[in-house]
Amino acid sequence: MLLNHSDLLPIYHNGTMILIDDEEDFLLSLKSSLNRKFAVRGFTSPTKAYQYIMQQQTRFDDNFQLFESYYDGEDIAETGDDIVLIKSSQLKSYAFDIQRYGLISIVIIDQMMPSITGLELCKQLEATGVKIILLTGQMADADTIAAFNEGLIDGYVNKKDENSIKDLIKLINKLNIEFFIERLHSLKFIFDISSRQPLGDFQVQEIMQKAYENFPFSEYYYIPNAPGFLLVNEKGERQFCLFDTEAHQKDVCDSIHSDFGDIDLVKAMRRGELICWNLLDDPEIAFFKDPKALSKRLFLCHQEKGYRWALIPLDKTPLEVEANDFCWKEYQKQMENIPLDYV
């Protein structure tokens, strides 16, 4: 799903939802309904659910530690008077982590359970950052409304309402976006104010929309030292949306001209027909004198009001990655077959 312009983030992908309800028949029915679109784990035991959520939380907290306090060869974002160091290699690794879909973004909890109330469990999960939906058996009572107003829960749905599934799906889609917005707030802020990483620029968002029209992706990962987005669809197919400012590409062209002279590739770059993958993103600088090696870093591109961009099959890019064919659809199927309360 492509996000709205104002919500373009450095990372977006599907995660796992947790359903907690002591009524096994209702839980299985709801899990089956939601699993057509989402990946769902079901628990009749609040204790086992909490154990599993905390286990996954610990693992993924490390994946979102994307800043360094010293320079060690990672990507640098200049932000006025400060320099922020970004673990660009970790961003790339995360995009190919076969366990990334295990990230828990939403927990759906039944209010009335014998061992603990839904709101009591919500309080235990308050510090995790997951988005919480409370299932009620009637119209929201004063405690539920108060919990929503205080931010203890992020939404509630009356499970006996005839439109409950439709309302739940709408709320899930909204909250999954909000989850990533909150987790990536600092990283998005850095990219938005950096002159070379303008994810908040409307033109960049237009580029992503056009890329989506050509390659309908369901997840994306920003690779700042390319720069561009690694795009992945539900089948696991990947393409790379490379983009850069026109001004920076002209500077790159001047640099290439100083090494190669006025060759045809340089002329095509000056006409705005080619975009160059970051030349510094390579441990071997020897290719600077090799036009054949240089041509592998130049791609036919589109122009977009101050930007150049290209949609490139992953195997044609210089991005070095390990093969990984695991996809969202396979993960969904796995979740369908996992028994209730499995930790």
C-alpha atoms as a PDB file:
ATOM      1  CA  MET A   1       0.000   0.000   0.000  1.00  0.00           C
ATOM      2  CA  LEU A   2       1.379   3.394  -0.972  1.00  0.00           C
ATOM      3  CA  LEU A   3       1.182   5.954   1.807  1.00  0.00           C
ATOM      4  CA  ASN A   4      -0.365   9.376   1.469  1.00  0.00           C
ATOM      5  CA  HIS A   5       2.077  12.114   0.491  1.00  0.00           C
ATOM      6  CA  SER A   6       2.351  13.506   4.005  1.00  0.00           C
ATOM      7  CA  ASP A   7       3.173  10.054   5.361  1.00  0.00           C
ATOM      8  CA  LEU A   8       6.114   9.092   3.110  1.00  0.00           C
ATOM      9  CA  LEU A   9       8.529   7.366   5.491  1.00  0.00           C
ATOM     10  CA  PRO A  10      12.058   5.940   5.298  1.00  0.00           C
ATOM     11  CA  ILE A  11      10.640   2.440   5.909  1.00  0.00           C
ATOM     12  CA  TYR A  12       7.214   0.907   5.474  1.00  0.00           C
ATOM     13  CA  HIS A  13       6.173  -2.746   5.426  1.00  0.00           C
ATOM     14  CA  ASN A  14       3.471  -5.072   6.685  1.00  0.00           C
ATOM     15  CA  GLY A  15       3.781  -6.347  10.217  1.00  0.00           C
ATOM     16  CA  THR A  16       2.125  -8.919  12.450  1.00  0.00           C
ATOM     17  CA  MET A  17      -1.071  -8.391  14.409  1.00  0.00           C
ATOM     18  CA  ILE A  18      -1.861 -10.083  17.696  1.00  0.00           C
ATOM     19  CA  LEU A  19      -5.443 -11.072  18.569  1.00  0.00           C
ATOM     20  CA  ILE A  20      -6.240 -11.802  22.217  1.00  0.00           C
ATOM     21  CA  ASP A  21      -9.659 -13.198  23.163  1.00  0.00           C
ATOM     22  CA  ASP A  22     -10.537 -16.046  25.535  1.00  0.00           C
ATOM     23  CA  GLU A  23     -13.481 -17.134  23.308  1.00  0.00           C
ATOM     24  CA  GLU A  24     -11.734 -19.593  21.003  1.00  0.00           C
ATOM     25  CA  ASP A  25     -14.493 -19.863  18.376  1.00  0.00           C
ATOM     26  CA  PHE A  26     -14.750 -16.086  17.993  1.00  0.00           C
ATOM     27  CA  LEU A  27     -10.955 -15.773  17.931  1.00  0.00           C
ATOM     28  CA  LEU A  28     -10.592 -18.345  15.135  1.00  0.00           C
ATOM     29  CA  SER A  29     -13.375 -16.712  13.125  1.00  0.00           C
ATOM     30  CA  LEU A  30     -11.870 -13.221  13.430  1.00  0.00           C
ATOM     31  CA  LYS A  31      -8.374 -14.518  12.706  1.00  0.00           C
ATOM     32  CA  SER A  32      -9.634 -16.203   9.537  1.00  0.00           C
ATOM     33  CA  SER A  33     -11.379 -13.016   8.366  1.00  0.00           C
ATOM     34  CA  LEU A  34      -8.346 -10.787   8.961  1.00  0.00           C
ATOM     35  CA  ASN A  35      -5.757 -13.232   7.629  1.00  0.00           C
ATOM     36  CA  ARG A  36      -6.995 -12.618   4.082  1.00  0.00           C
ATOM     37  CA  LYS A  37      -5.274  -9.248   4.208  1.00  0.00           C
ATOM     38  CA  PHE A  38      -2.988  -9.275   7.263  1.00  0.00           C
ATOM     39  CA  ALA A  39      -0.668 -11.632   9.130  1.00  0.00           C
ATOM     40  CA  VAL A  40      -2.315 -12.597  12.410  1.00  0.00           C
ATOM     41  CA  ARG A  41      -1.291 -14.518  15.535  1.00  0.00           C
ATOM     42  CA  GLY A  42      -4.071 -15.578  17.906  1.00  0.00           C
ATOM     43  CA  PHE A  43      -3.955 -16.052  21.696  1.00  0.00           C
ATOM     44  CA  THR A  44      -6.609 -17.158  24.161  1.00  0.00           C
ATOM     45  CA  SER A  45      -4.007 -16.732  26.933  1.00  0.00           C
ATOM     46  CA  PRO A  46      -3.148 -13.093  27.788  1.00  0.00           C
ATOM     47  CA  THR A  47      -0.012 -14.324  29.597  1.00  0.00           C
ATOM     48  CA  LYS A  48       1.360 -16.124  26.530  1.00  0.00           C
ATOM     49  CA  ALA A  49       0.417 -13.201  24.291  1.00  0.00           C
ATOM     50  CA  TYR A  50       2.299 -10.765  26.534  1.00  0.00           C
ATOM     51  CA  GLN A  51       5.309 -13.111  26.601  1.00  0.00           C
ATOM     52  CA  TYR A  52       5.390 -13.312  22.802  1.00  0.00           C
ATOM     53  CA  ILE A  53       4.942  -9.554  22.306  1.00  0.00           C
ATOM     54  CA  MET A  54       7.820  -8.720  24.663  1.00  0.00           C
ATOM     55  CA  GLN A  55      10.032 -11.336  23.016  1.00  0.00           C
ATOM     56  CA  GLN A  56       9.487  -9.784  19.579  1.00  0.00           C
ATOM     57  CA  GLN A  57       9.762  -6.234  20.936  1.00  0.00           C
ATOM     58  CA  THR A  58      13.282  -6.851  22.224  1.00  0.00           C
ATOM     59  CA  ARG A  59      14.420  -8.154  18.864  1.00  0.00           C
ATOM     60  CA  PHE A  60      13.054  -5.291  16.772  1.00  0.00           C
ATOM     61  CA  ASP A  61      14.139  -2.483  19.095  1.00  0.00           C
ATOM     62  CA  ASP A  62      17.706  -3.081  17.849  1.00  0.00           C
ATOM     63  CA  ASN A  63      16.612  -2.808  14.205  1.00  0.00           C
ATOM     64  CA  PHE A  64      15.403   0.753  14.735  1.00  0.00           C
ATOM     65  CA  GLN A  65      18.642   1.979  16.326  1.00  0.00           C
ATOM     66  CA  LEU A  66      19.771   3.685  13.126  1.00  0.00           C
ATOM     67  CA  PHE A  67      22.041   6.456  14.375  1.00  0.00           C
ATOM     68  CA  GLU A  68      25.757   6.453  15.199  1.00  0.00           C
ATOM     69  CA  SER A  69      27.614   8.807  17.549  1.00  0.00           C
ATOM     70  CA  TYR A  70      30.851   8.685  15.559  1.00  0.00           C
ATOM     71  CA  TYR A  71      31.891   8.383  11.931  1.00  0.00           C
ATOM     72  CA  ASP A  72      32.627   4.814  10.854  1.00  0.00           C
ATOM     73  CA  GLY A  73      32.009   4.957   7.126  1.00  0.00           C
ATOM     74  CA  GLU A  74      28.229   5.098   7.263  1.00  0.00           C
ATOM     75  CA  ASP A  75      26.091   7.660   5.467  1.00  0.00           C
ATOM     76  CA  ILE A  76      26.139  11.246   6.734  1.00  0.00           C
ATOM     77  CA  ALA A  77      23.187  13.624   6.739  1.00  0.00           C
ATOM     78  CA  GLU A  78      24.208  17.254   7.170  1.00  0.00           C
ATOM     79  CA  THR A  79      21.598  19.257   9.040  1.00  0.00           C
ATOM     80  CA  GLY A  80      22.819  22.810   9.343  1.00  0.00           C
ATOM     81  CA  ASP A  81      25.262  23.099  12.218  1.00  0.00           C
ATOM     82  CA  ASP A  82      25.209  19.383  13.017  1.00  0.00           C
ATOM     83  CA  ILE A  83      26.163  16.155  11.325  1.00  0.00           C
ATOM     84  CA  VAL A  84      24.019  13.093  12.001  1.00  0.00           C
ATOM     85  CA  LEU A  85      25.459   9.682  11.261  1.00  0.00           C
ATOM     86  CA  ILE A  86      23.012   7.141   9.852  1.00  0.00           C
ATOM     87  CA  LYS A  87      23.543   3.383   9.733  1.00  0.00           C
ATOM     88  CA  SER A  88      22.726   3.067   6.045  1.00  0.00           C
ATOM     89  CA  SER A  89      24.060  -0.493   5.958  1.00  0.00           C
ATOM     90  CA  GLN A  90      21.563  -1.417   8.686  1.00  0.00           C
ATOM     91  CA  LEU A  91      18.732   0.084   6.651  1.00  0.00           C
ATOM     92  CA  LYS A  92      19.785  -2.158   3.755  1.00  0.00           C
ATOM     93  CA  SER A  93      20.108  -5.223   5.993  1.00  0.00           C
ATOM     94  CA  TYR A  94      16.659  -4.594   7.446  1.00  0.00           C
ATOM     95  CA  ALA A  95      15.147  -4.563   3.944  1.00  0.00           C
ATOM     96  CA  PHE A  96      16.423  -8.120   3.391  1.00  0.00           C
ATOM     97  CA  ASP A  97      15.767  -9.499   6.872  1.00  0.00           C
ATOM     98  CA  ILE A  98      13.434 -12.484   6.379  1.00  0.00           C
ATOM     99  CA  GLN A  99      12.053 -11.934   9.898  1.00  0.00           C
ATOM    100  CA  ARG A 100      11.021  -8.301   9.359  1.00  0.00           C
ATOM    101  CA  TYR A 101       7.331  -9.197   8.982  1.00  0.00           C
ATOM    102  CA  GLY A 102       7.408 -10.477  12.567  1.00  0.00           C
ATOM    103  CA  LEU A 103       7.421  -6.874  13.795  1.00  0.00           C
ATOM    104  CA  ILE A 104       4.294  -6.422  15.922  1.00  0.00           C
ATOM    105  CA  SER A 105       2.563  -3.159  15.089  1.00  0.00           C
ATOM    106  CA  ILE A 106      -0.993  -3.770  16.348  1.00  0.00           C
ATOM    107  CA  VAL A 107      -2.542  -5.722  19.218  1.00  0.00           C
ATOM    108  CA  ILE A 108      -6.296  -6.332  19.290  1.00  0.00           C
ATOM    109  CA  ILE A 109      -7.585  -7.169  22.780  1.00  0.00           C
ATOM    110  CA  ASP A 110     -10.980  -8.314  24.019  1.00  0.00           C
ATOM    111  CA  GLN A 111     -12.148  -6.231  26.973  1.00  0.00           C
ATOM    112  CA  MET A 112     -13.847  -9.023  28.938  1.00  0.00           C
ATOM    113  CA  MET A 113     -11.553 -11.953  29.820  1.00  0.00           C
ATOM    114  CA  PRO A 114     -11.662 -14.093  32.975  1.00  0.00           C
ATOM    115  CA  SER A 115      -8.061 -13.689  34.152  1.00  0.00           C
ATOM    116  CA  ILE A 116      -7.508 -10.030  33.268  1.00  0.00           C
ATOM    117  CA  THR A 117      -9.508  -7.235  31.668  1.00  0.00           C
ATOM    118  CA  GLY A 118      -8.473  -5.851  28.299  1.00  0.00           C
ATOM    119  CA  LEU A 119      -7.707  -2.453  29.822  1.00  0.00           C
ATOM    120  CA  GLU A 120      -5.464  -4.020  32.472  1.00  0.00           C
ATOM    121  CA  LEU A 121      -3.501  -5.768  29.712  1.00  0.00           C
ATOM    122  CA  CYS A 122      -3.332  -2.486  27.784  1.00  0.00           C
ATOM    123  CA  LYS A 123      -1.600  -0.887  30.768  1.00  0.00           C
ATOM    124  CA  GLN A 124       1.008  -3.652  30.738  1.00  0.00           C
ATOM    125  CA  LEU A 125       1.670  -2.973  27.031  1.00  0.00           C
ATOM    126  CA  GLU A 126       1.673   0.807  27.332  1.00  0.00           C
ATOM    127  CA  ALA A 127       5.467   1.205  27.075  1.00  0.00           C
ATOM    128  CA  THR A 128       5.912  -1.095  24.064  1.00  0.00           C
ATOM    129  CA  GLY A 129       4.821   1.414  21.408  1.00  0.00           C
ATOM    130  CA  VAL A 130       2.423  -1.051  19.744  1.00  0.00           C
ATOM    131  CA  LYS A 131      -0.945   0.254  18.626  1.00  0.00           C
ATOM    132  CA  ILE A 132      -3.843  -1.177  20.634  1.00  0.00           C
ATOM    133  CA  ILE A 133      -7.445  -1.778  19.574  1.00  0.00           C
ATOM    134  CA  LEU A 134      -9.955  -2.775  22.249  1.00  0.00           C
ATOM    135  CA  LEU A 135     -12.810  -5.100  21.327  1.00  0.00           C
ATOM    136  CA  THR A 136     -15.960  -4.400  23.317  1.00  0.00           C
ATOM    137  CA  GLY A 137     -19.146  -6.437  23.524  1.00  0.00           C
ATOM    138  CA  GLN A 138     -21.343  -3.358  23.531  1.00  0.00           C
ATOM    139  CA  MET A 139     -21.238   0.367  22.893  1.00  0.00           C
ATOM    140  CA  ALA A 140     -18.132   1.928  24.437  1.00  0.00           C
ATOM    141  CA  ASP A 141     -18.510   2.542  28.163  1.00  0.00           C
ATOM    142  CA  ALA A 142     -16.991   5.390  30.198  1.00  0.00           C
ATOM    143  CA  ASP A 143     -13.798   3.411  30.985  1.00  0.00           C
ATOM    144  CA  THR A 144     -13.166   2.637  27.299  1.00  0.00           C
ATOM    145  CA  ILE A 145     -13.727   6.249  26.236  1.00  0.00           C
ATOM    146  CA  ALA A 146     -11.458   7.478  29.037  1.00  0.00           C
ATOM    147  CA  ALA A 147      -8.740   4.994  27.995  1.00  0.00           C
ATOM    148  CA  PHE A 148      -8.960   6.265  24.404  1.00  0.00           C
ATOM    149  CA  ASN A 149      -8.826   9.928  25.458  1.00  0.00           C
ATOM    150  CA  GLU A 150      -5.817   9.246  27.686  1.00  0.00           C
ATOM    151  CA  GLY A 151      -3.961   7.405  24.887  1.00  0.00           C
ATOM    152  CA  LEU A 152      -3.985   4.028  26.613  1.00  0.00           C
ATOM    153  CA  ILE A 153      -5.743   2.544  23.586  1.00  0.00           C
ATOM    154  CA  ASP A 154      -5.689   3.758  19.982  1.00  0.00           C
ATOM    155  CA  GLY A 155      -9.190   2.708  19.001  1.00  0.00           C
ATOM    156  CA  TYR A 156     -12.092   0.456  19.886  1.00  0.00           C
ATOM    157  CA  VAL A 157     -14.615  -1.620  17.966  1.00  0.00           C
ATOM    158  CA  ASN A 158     -17.877  -3.207  19.089  1.00  0.00           C
ATOM    159  CA  LYS A 159     -17.391  -6.824  18.023  1.00  0.00           C
ATOM    160  CA  LYS A 160     -21.153  -7.420  17.892  1.00  0.00           C
ATOM    161  CA  ASP A 161     -21.712  -4.625  15.393  1.00  0.00           C
ATOM    162  CA  GLU A 162     -22.605  -5.868  11.889  1.00  0.00           C
ATOM    163  CA  ASN A 163     -19.886  -3.613  10.407  1.00  0.00           C
ATOM    164  CA  SER A 164     -17.221  -4.636  12.938  1.00  0.00           C
ATOM    165  CA  ILE A 165     -14.883  -6.358  10.432  1.00  0.00           C
ATOM    166  CA  LYS A 166     -15.023  -3.434   8.020  1.00  0.00           C
ATOM    167  CA  ASP A 167     -14.425  -0.944  10.852  1.00  0.00           C
ATOM    168  CA  LEU A 168     -11.574  -3.054  12.194  1.00  0.00           C
ATOM    169  CA  ILE A 169      -9.792  -3.271   8.824  1.00  0.00           C
ATOM    170  CA  LYS A 170     -10.086   0.490   8.332  1.00  0.00           C
ATOM    171  CA  LEU A 171      -8.680   1.122  11.804  1.00  0.00           C
ATOM    172  CA  ILE A 172      -5.839  -1.393  11.320  1.00  0.00           C
ATOM    173  CA  ASN A 173      -4.693   0.304   8.092  1.00  0.00           C
ATOM    174  CA  LYS A 174      -4.697   3.703   9.804  1.00  0.00           C
ATOM    175  CA  LEU A 175      -2.856   2.524  12.912  1.00  0.00           C
ATOM    176  CA  ASN A 176      -0.191   0.570  11.015  1.00  0.00           C
ATOM    177  CA  ILE A 177       0.848   3.815   9.319  1.00  0.00           C
ATOM    178  CA  GLU A 178       0.805   5.682  12.634  1.00  0.00           C
ATOM    179  CA  PHE A 179       2.973   2.983  14.206  1.00  0.00           C
ATOM    180  CA  PHE A 180       5.738   3.535  11.632  1.00  0.00           C
ATOM    181  CA  ILE A 181       5.375   7.315  11.803  1.00  0.00           C
ATOM    182  CA  GLU A 182       6.054   7.199  15.547  1.00  0.00           C
ATOM    183  CA  ARG A 183       8.880   4.635  15.370  1.00  0.00           C
ATOM    184  CA  LEU A 184      10.655   6.507  12.564  1.00  0.00           C
ATOM    185  CA  HIS A 185       9.918  10.075  13.653  1.00  0.00           C
ATOM    186  CA  SER A 186      13.578  10.997  14.317  1.00  0.00           C
ATOM    187  CA  LEU A 187      14.885   9.380  11.135  1.00  0.00           C
ATOM    188  CA  LYS A 188      12.195  11.017   8.987  1.00  0.00           C
ATOM    189  CA  PHE A 189      12.962  14.396  10.583  1.00  0.00           C
ATOM    190  CA  ILE A 190      16.662  14.063   9.698  1.00  0.00           C
ATOM    191  CA  PHE A 191      15.931  13.157   6.085  1.00  0.00           C
ATOM    192  CA  ASP A 192      13.322  15.901   5.705  1.00  0.00           C
ATOM    193  CA  ILE A 193      15.695  18.687   6.791  1.00  0.00           C
ATOM    194  CA  SER A 194      18.752  17.361   4.977  1.00  0.00           C
ATOM    195  CA  SER A 195      19.411  18.983   1.608  1.00  0.00           C
ATOM    196  CA  ARG A 196      20.374  15.623   0.048  1.00  0.00           C
ATOM    197  CA  GLN A 197      17.664  13.487   1.674  1.00  0.00           C
ATOM    198  CA  PRO A 198      14.407  15.427   1.040  1.00  0.00           C
ATOM    199  CA  LEU A 199      11.761  12.757   1.724  1.00  0.00           C
ATOM    200  CA  GLY A 200       9.279  15.460   2.689  1.00  0.00           C
ATOM    201  CA  ASP A 201       9.574  17.118  -0.739  1.00  0.00           C
ATOM    202  CA  PHE A 202       6.322  16.847  -2.684  1.00  0.00           C
ATOM    203  CA  GLN A 203       8.244  16.003  -5.883  1.00  0.00           C
ATOM    204  CA  VAL A 204       9.870  12.991  -4.232  1.00  0.00           C
ATOM    205  CA  GLN A 205       6.430  11.807  -3.196  1.00  0.00           C
ATOM    206  CA  GLU A 206       5.213  12.288  -6.780  1.00  0.00           C
ATOM    207  CA  ILE A 207       8.148  10.169  -7.973  1.00  0.00           C
ATOM    208  CA  MET A 208       7.125   7.399  -5.585  1.00  0.00           C
ATOM    209  CA  GLN A 209       3.549   7.577  -6.881  1.00  0.00           C
ATOM    210  CA  LYS A 210       4.749   7.181 -10.464  1.00  0.00           C
ATOM    211  CA  ALA A 211       7.024   4.319  -9.441  1.00  0.00           C
ATOM    212  CA  TYR A 212       4.013   2.646  -7.798  1.00  0.00           C
ATOM    213  CA  GLU A 213       1.975   2.962 -10.991  1.00  0.00           C
ATOM    214  CA  ASN A 214       4.706   1.042 -12.842  1.00  0.00           C
ATOM    215  CA  PHE A 215       5.515  -1.415 -10.050  1.00  0.00           C
ATOM    216  CA  PRO A 216       2.747  -1.794  -7.399  1.00  0.00           C
ATOM    217  CA  PHE A 217       4.837  -2.294  -4.274  1.00  0.00           C
ATOM    218  CA  SER A 218       3.558  -3.103  -0.797  1.00  0.00           C
ATOM    219  CA  GLU A 219       6.717  -2.178   1.151  1.00  0.00           C
ATOM    220  CA  TYR A 220       9.684   0.135   0.680  1.00  0.00           C
ATOM    221  CA  TYR A 221      13.044   0.941   2.295  1.00  0.00           C
ATOM    222  CA  TYR A 222      15.072   4.109   1.830  1.00  0.00           C
ATOM    223  CA  ILE A 223      18.753   3.536   1.018  1.00  0.00           C
ATOM    224  CA  PRO A 224      20.294   7.001   1.591  1.00  0.00           C
ATOM    225  CA  ASN A 225      23.687   6.411  -0.006  1.00  0.00           C
ATOM    226  CA  ALA A 226      22.179   5.514  -3.414  1.00  0.00           C
ATOM    227  CA  PRO A 227      19.901   7.513  -2.892  1.00  0.00           C
ATOM    228  CA  GLY A 228      16.510   5.918  -3.439  1.00  0.00           C
ATOM    229  CA  PHE A 229      13.931   3.382  -2.320  1.00  0.00           C
ATOM    230  CA  LEU A 230      14.157  -0.372  -2.513  1.00  0.00           C
ATOM    231  CA  LEU A 231      10.621  -1.421  -3.503  1.00  0.00           C
ATOM    232  CA  VAL A 232       9.123  -4.863  -2.789  1.00  0.00           C
ATOM    233  CA  ASN A 233       5.764  -6.272  -3.876  1.00  0.00           C
ATOM    234  CA  GLU A 234       3.719  -8.987  -2.145  1.00  0.00           C
ATOM    235  CA  LYS A 235       5.367 -11.712  -4.257  1.00  0.00           C
ATOM    236  CA  GLY A 236       8.830 -10.632  -3.085  1.00  0.00           C
ATOM    237  CA  GLU A 237       9.836  -9.095  -6.437  1.00  0.00           C
ATOM    238  CA  ARG A 238      12.124  -6.080  -6.049  1.00  0.00           C
ATOM    239  CA  GLN A 239      12.994  -2.959  -7.985  1.00  0.00           C
ATOM    240  CA  PHE A 240      14.939   0.134  -7.026  1.00  0.00           C
ATOM    241  CA  CYS A 241      13.614   3.677  -7.408  1.00  0.00           C
ATOM    242  CA  LEU A 242      16.775   5.756  -7.778  1.00  0.00           C
ATOM    243  CA  PHE A 243      16.348   9.523  -7.498  1.00  0.00           C
ATOM    244  CA  ASP A 244      18.490  12.600  -6.968  1.00  0.00           C
ATOM    245  CA  THR A 245      18.295  16.351  -7.341  1.00  0.00           C
ATOM    246  CA  GLU A 246      19.107  17.820 -10.724  1.00  0.00           C
ATOM    247  CA  ALA A 247      21.635  20.157  -9.076  1.00  0.00           C
ATOM    248  CA  HIS A 248      23.563  17.311  -7.460  1.00  0.00           C
ATOM    249  CA  GLN A 249      23.548  15.250 -10.655  1.00  0.00           C
ATOM    250  CA  LYS A 250      25.112  18.205 -12.488  1.00  0.00           C
ATOM    251  CA  ASP A 251      27.868  18.295  -9.858  1.00  0.00           C
ATOM    252  CA  VAL A 252      28.383  14.556 -10.331  1.00  0.00           C
ATOM    253  CA  CYS A 253      28.539  15.100 -14.094  1.00  0.00           C
ATOM    254  CA  ASP A 254      31.252  17.751 -13.654  1.00  0.00           C
ATOM    255  CA  SER A 255      33.247  15.315 -11.529  1.00  0.00           C
ATOM    256  CA  ILE A 256      32.924  12.533 -14.109  1.00  0.00           C
ATOM    257  CA  HIS A 257      33.878  14.974 -16.885  1.00  0.00           C
ATOM    258  CA  SER A 258      37.116  15.794 -15.070  1.00  0.00           C
ATOM    259  CA  ASP A 259      38.053  12.085 -15.105  1.00  0.00           C
ATOM    260  CA  PHE A 260      36.692  10.965 -18.485  1.00  0.00           C
ATOM    261  CA  GLY A 261      36.492  14.077 -20.609  1.00  0.00           C
ATOM    262  CA  ASP A 262      33.575  14.924 -22.897  1.00  0.00           C
ATOM    263  CA  ILE A 263      32.549  11.327 -23.705  1.00  0.00           C
ATOM    264  CA  ASP A 264      29.023  10.392 -24.891  1.00  0.00           C
ATOM    265  CA  LEU A 265      27.960   9.320 -21.383  1.00  0.00           C
ATOM    266  CA  VAL A 266      28.869  12.745 -20.019  1.00  0.00           C
ATOM    267  CA  LYS A 267      26.973  14.464 -22.842  1.00  0.00           C
ATOM    268  CA  ALA A 268      23.882  12.356 -22.112  1.00  0.00           C
ATOM    269  CA  MET A 269      24.130  13.264 -18.423  1.00  0.00           C
ATOM    270  CA  ARG A 270      24.289  16.960 -19.283  1.00  0.00           C
ATOM    271  CA  ARG A 271      21.123  16.580 -21.376  1.00  0.00           C
ATOM    272  CA  GLY A 272      19.390  15.067 -18.338  1.00  0.00           C
ATOM    273  CA  GLU A 273      18.977  11.644 -19.970  1.00  0.00           C
ATOM    274  CA  LEU A 274      20.977   9.688 -17.379  1.00  0.00           C
ATOM    275  CA  ILE A 275      21.109   9.472 -13.609  1.00  0.00           C
ATOM    276  CA  CYS A 276      24.212   8.283 -11.781  1.00  0.00           C
ATOM    277  CA  TRP A 277      24.212   5.896  -8.831  1.00  0.00           C
ATOM    278  CA  ASN A 278      26.346   7.359  -6.035  1.00  0.00           C
ATOM    279  CA  LEU A 279      29.943   6.941  -7.213  1.00  0.00           C
ATOM    280  CA  LEU A 280      31.235   6.937  -3.651  1.00  0.00           C
ATOM    281  CA  ASP A 281      29.162   3.860  -2.832  1.00  0.00           C
ATOM    282  CA  ASP A 282      31.931   1.564  -3.999  1.00  0.00           C
ATOM    283  CA  PRO A 283      35.058   0.304  -2.211  1.00  0.00           C
ATOM    284  CA  GLU A 284      37.041   0.329  -5.484  1.00  0.00           C
ATOM    285  CA  ILE A 285      37.648   3.773  -6.968  1.00  0.00           C
ATOM    286  CA  ALA A 286      39.596   2.281  -9.906  1.00  0.00           C
ATOM    287  CA  PHE A 287      36.488   2.300 -12.110  1.00  0.00           C
ATOM    288  CA  PHE A 288      36.778   6.105 -12.333  1.00  0.00           C
ATOM    289  CA  LYS A 289      39.064   5.588 -15.361  1.00  0.00           C
ATOM    290  CA  ASP A 290      36.997   2.778 -16.890  1.00  0.00           C
ATOM    291  CA  PRO A 291      34.041   3.957 -19.079  1.00  0.00           C
ATOM    292  CA  LYS A 292      32.622   0.411 -19.171  1.00  0.00           C
ATOM    293  CA  ALA A 293      32.498   0.247 -15.364  1.00  0.00           C
ATOM    294  CA  LEU A 294      31.091   3.768 -15.246  1.00  0.00           C
ATOM    295  CA  SER A 295      28.264   2.849 -17.633  1.00  0.00           C
ATOM    296  CA  LYS A 296      27.027   0.259 -15.098  1.00  0.00           C
ATOM    297  CA  ARG A 297      26.348   3.122 -12.685  1.00  0.00           C
ATOM    298  CA  LEU A 298      24.416   5.253 -15.180  1.00  0.00           C
ATOM    299  CA  PHE A 299      20.724   4.656 -15.922  1.00  0.00           C
ATOM    300  CA  LEU A 300      18.173   6.101 -18.334  1.00  0.00           C
ATOM    301  CA  CYS A 301      15.969   8.398 -16.291  1.00  0.00           C
ATOM    302  CA  HIS A 302      12.908  10.629 -16.126  1.00  0.00           C
ATOM    303  CA  GLN A 303      13.005  14.302 -15.114  1.00  0.00           C
ATOM    304  CA  GLU A 304      10.633  15.675 -12.499  1.00  0.00           C
ATOM    305  CA  LYS A 305      10.837  19.405 -11.623  1.00  0.00           C
ATOM    306  CA  GLY A 306      14.354  19.542 -10.233  1.00  0.00           C
ATOM    307  CA  TYR A 307      14.835  15.785  -9.898  1.00  0.00           C
ATOM    308  CA  ARG A 308      15.932  12.835 -11.969  1.00  0.00           C
ATOM    309  CA  TRP A 309      14.669   9.332 -11.247  1.00  0.00           C
ATOM    310  CA  ALA A 310      14.703   5.821 -12.637  1.00  0.00           C
ATOM    311  CA  LEU A 311      12.978   2.537 -11.800  1.00  0.00           C
ATOM    312  CA  ILE A 312      15.613  -0.213 -12.053  1.00  0.00           C
ATOM    313  CA  PRO A 313      15.471  -4.030 -11.678  1.00  0.00           C
ATOM    314  CA  LEU A 314      17.457  -4.875  -8.576  1.00  0.00           C
ATOM    315  CA  ASP A 315      19.912  -7.148 -10.405  1.00  0.00           C
ATOM    316  CA  LYS A 316      20.901  -4.215 -12.646  1.00  0.00           C
ATOM    317  CA  THR A 317      21.884  -1.983  -9.717  1.00  0.00           C
ATOM    318  CA  PRO A 318      25.258  -1.869  -7.903  1.00  0.00           C
ATOM    319  CA  LEU A 319      23.448  -2.733  -4.646  1.00  0.00           C
ATOM    320  CA  GLU A 320      25.147  -5.806  -3.183  1.00  0.00           C
ATOM    321  CA  VAL A 321      22.641  -7.942  -1.313  1.00  0.00           C
ATOM    322  CA  GLU A 322      22.174 -11.567  -0.349  1.00  0.00           C
ATOM    323  CA  ALA A 323      19.500 -13.518  -2.205  1.00  0.00           C
ATOM    324  CA  ASN A 324      16.218 -13.669  -0.292  1.00  0.00           C
ATOM    325  CA  ASP A 325      13.064 -14.901  -1.981  1.00  0.00           C
ATOM    326  CA  PHE A 326      10.900 -14.939   1.149  1.00  0.00           C
ATOM    327  CA  CYS A 327       7.847 -12.775   0.564  1.00  0.00           C
ATOM    328  CA  TRP A 328       4.817 -11.342   2.358  1.00  0.00           C
ATOM    329  CA  LYS A 329       2.369 -13.854   0.868  1.00  0.00           C
ATOM    330  CA  GLU A 330       4.472 -16.763   2.158  1.00  0.00           C
ATOM    331  CA  TYR A 331       4.633 -15.205   5.603  1.00  0.00           C
ATOM    332  CA  GLN A 332       0.864 -14.750   5.681  1.00  0.00           C
ATOM    333  CA  LYS A 333       0.426 -18.425   4.826  1.00  0.00           C
ATOM    334  CA  GLN A 334       2.797 -19.399   7.637  1.00  0.00           C
ATOM    335  CA  MET A 335       0.802 -17.355  10.146  1.00  0.00           C
ATOM    336  CA  GLU A 336      -2.440 -19.044   9.053  1.00  0.00           C
ATOM    337  CA  ASN A 337      -1.060 -22.420  10.093  1.00  0.00           C
ATOM    338  CA  ILE A 338       0.396 -21.464  13.480  1.00  0.00           C
ATOM    339  CA  PRO A 339      -1.801 -22.783  16.314  1.00  0.00           C
ATOM    340  CA  LEU A 340      -3.330 -20.510  18.935  1.00  0.00           C
ATOM    341  CA  ASP A 341      -1.171 -19.619  21.951  1.00  0.00           C
ATOM    342  CA  TYR A 342       2.042 -20.793  20.271  1.00  0.00           C
ATOM    343  CA  VAL A 343       5.098 -18.975  21.629  1.00  0.00           C
END
